[in-house]
Protein backbone atom coordinates (compact mmCIF):
# COMPACT_ATOMS: atom_id res chain seq x y z
CA MET A 1 -22.04 -6.25 -1.96
CA GLY A 2 -19.07 -5.32 -4.14
CA LYS A 3 -15.48 -4.95 -3.12
CA ILE A 4 -14.20 -1.81 -1.46
CA HIS A 5 -12.41 0.63 -3.76
CA ILE A 6 -8.73 -0.14 -4.25
CA LYS A 7 -7.47 2.93 -2.39
CA GLY A 8 -9.49 1.95 0.68
CA ARG A 9 -8.33 -1.65 0.47
CA ILE A 10 -4.71 -0.53 0.26
CA LEU A 11 -5.20 1.46 3.46
CA GLN A 12 -6.73 -1.60 5.13
CA ILE A 13 -3.79 -3.77 4.09
CA ILE A 14 -1.28 -1.24 5.40
CA ARG A 15 -3.22 -0.88 8.64
CA GLU A 16 -3.33 -4.65 9.12
CA ASN A 17 0.44 -4.81 8.73
CA THR A 18 1.12 -1.73 10.84
CA LYS A 19 -0.98 -3.04 13.72
CA GLU A 20 0.85 -6.35 13.94
CA LYS A 21 3.14 -6.81 16.92
CA SER A 22 6.15 -5.85 14.82
CA GLY A 23 4.52 -2.61 13.70
CA LYS A 24 6.99 -2.49 10.84
CA GLY A 25 4.66 -1.88 7.90
CA ILE A 26 4.51 -3.59 4.52
CA TRP A 27 6.52 -3.33 1.29
CA ASP A 28 4.91 -1.75 -1.77
CA TYR A 29 5.43 -4.91 -3.84
CA ASP A 30 3.60 -7.02 -1.25
CA ILE A 31 0.70 -4.56 -1.32
CA ALA A 32 0.66 -4.68 -5.12
CA ARG A 33 0.67 -8.49 -5.20
CA GLN A 34 -2.19 -8.68 -2.71
CA ILE A 35 -4.28 -6.09 -4.58
CA LEU A 36 -3.71 -7.77 -7.94
CA LYS A 37 -4.73 -11.12 -6.50
CA GLU A 38 -7.83 -9.83 -4.69
CA TYR A 39 -9.06 -7.74 -7.62
CA GLU A 40 -8.06 -10.29 -10.26
CA LEU A 41 -5.73 -7.87 -12.05
CA ALA A 42 -2.46 -8.56 -13.83
CA GLY A 43 0.41 -6.88 -15.60
CA ALA A 44 2.75 -3.96 -15.32
CA TYR A 45 -0.05 -1.39 -15.71
CA ALA A 46 -1.93 -2.74 -12.70
CA MET A 47 1.28 -2.88 -10.63
CA GLY A 48 2.06 0.69 -11.62
CA ASN A 49 -1.45 1.78 -10.74
CA VAL A 50 -0.98 0.46 -7.21
CA ARG A 51 2.29 2.39 -6.93
CA VAL A 52 0.59 5.59 -8.12
CA THR A 53 -2.14 5.08 -5.55
CA LEU A 54 0.49 4.61 -2.83
CA THR A 55 2.11 7.87 -3.93
CA ASP A 56 -1.25 9.60 -3.63
CA LEU A 57 -1.82 8.20 -0.13
CA PHE A 58 1.72 9.21 0.88
CA SER A 59 1.22 12.74 -0.49
CA GLY A 60 -1.96 13.04 1.55
CA ALA A 61 -0.05 12.05 4.73
CA LEU A 62 -2.24 8.97 5.21
CA ILE A 63 0.78 6.67 5.04
CA GLU A 64 4.48 7.11 5.70
CA THR A 65 7.63 5.34 4.61
CA VAL A 66 9.49 3.40 7.27
CA GLU A 67 12.18 1.87 5.06
CA GLU A 68 13.50 2.08 1.51
CA LYS A 69 15.74 -0.13 -0.63
CA LEU A 70 16.69 -0.57 -4.28
CA ASP A 71 14.90 -3.13 -6.38
CA GLU A 72 17.37 -5.64 -7.76
CA GLY A 73 14.96 -6.49 -10.57
CA GLU A 74 12.68 -8.76 -8.57
CA HIS A 75 9.59 -6.54 -8.26
CA PHE A 76 9.15 -3.37 -10.33
CA GLY A 77 12.45 -3.24 -12.18
CA ALA A 78 16.14 -3.00 -11.40
CA GLY A 79 17.20 0.27 -9.82
CA ARG A 80 13.73 1.38 -8.76
CA ILE A 81 13.23 2.40 -5.17
CA LEU A 82 11.05 0.12 -3.05
CA PHE A 83 9.17 1.50 -0.07
CA LYS A 84 7.90 -0.04 3.12
CA PHE A 85 4.78 1.81 4.26
CA ALA A 86 2.98 2.22 7.58
CA LEU A 87 -0.29 3.96 8.37
CA THR A 88 -0.07 7.37 10.04
CA SER A 89 -2.34 8.40 12.90
CA PHE A 90 -3.97 10.86 10.48
CA GLY A 91 -4.53 8.01 8.02
CA GLU A 92 -6.22 5.92 10.69
CA GLU A 93 -8.37 8.88 11.69
CA ARG A 94 -9.46 9.38 8.07
CA MET A 95 -10.23 5.66 7.76
CA HIS A 96 -12.56 5.97 10.76
CA ASP A 97 -14.12 9.15 9.35
CA THR A 98 -14.89 7.50 6.00
CA GLY A 99 -16.10 4.21 7.47
CA ILE A 100 -13.32 2.07 6.04
CA ILE A 101 -12.70 0.69 9.53
């Protein structure tokens, strides 16, 4: 069986990190690194694609931001805003509805 689609896997990663005892969520750059590793992708385009997907999930109210900070050039580029995401209750409900969890 093939891998789950990237959008679904991103939701799983966020859920895994939201459900931990800390419940603090996960930074966008950590999500991007994990996706690139798991799907054997590389480069700025792939990183940007993960960020666009996160924006889509945020716009759909499946995830929410719990913290923001400026990138000092370590992840996506100096001056860009970094986001820490957590799964919303609606996002978890949709994951159940679609069979992702």
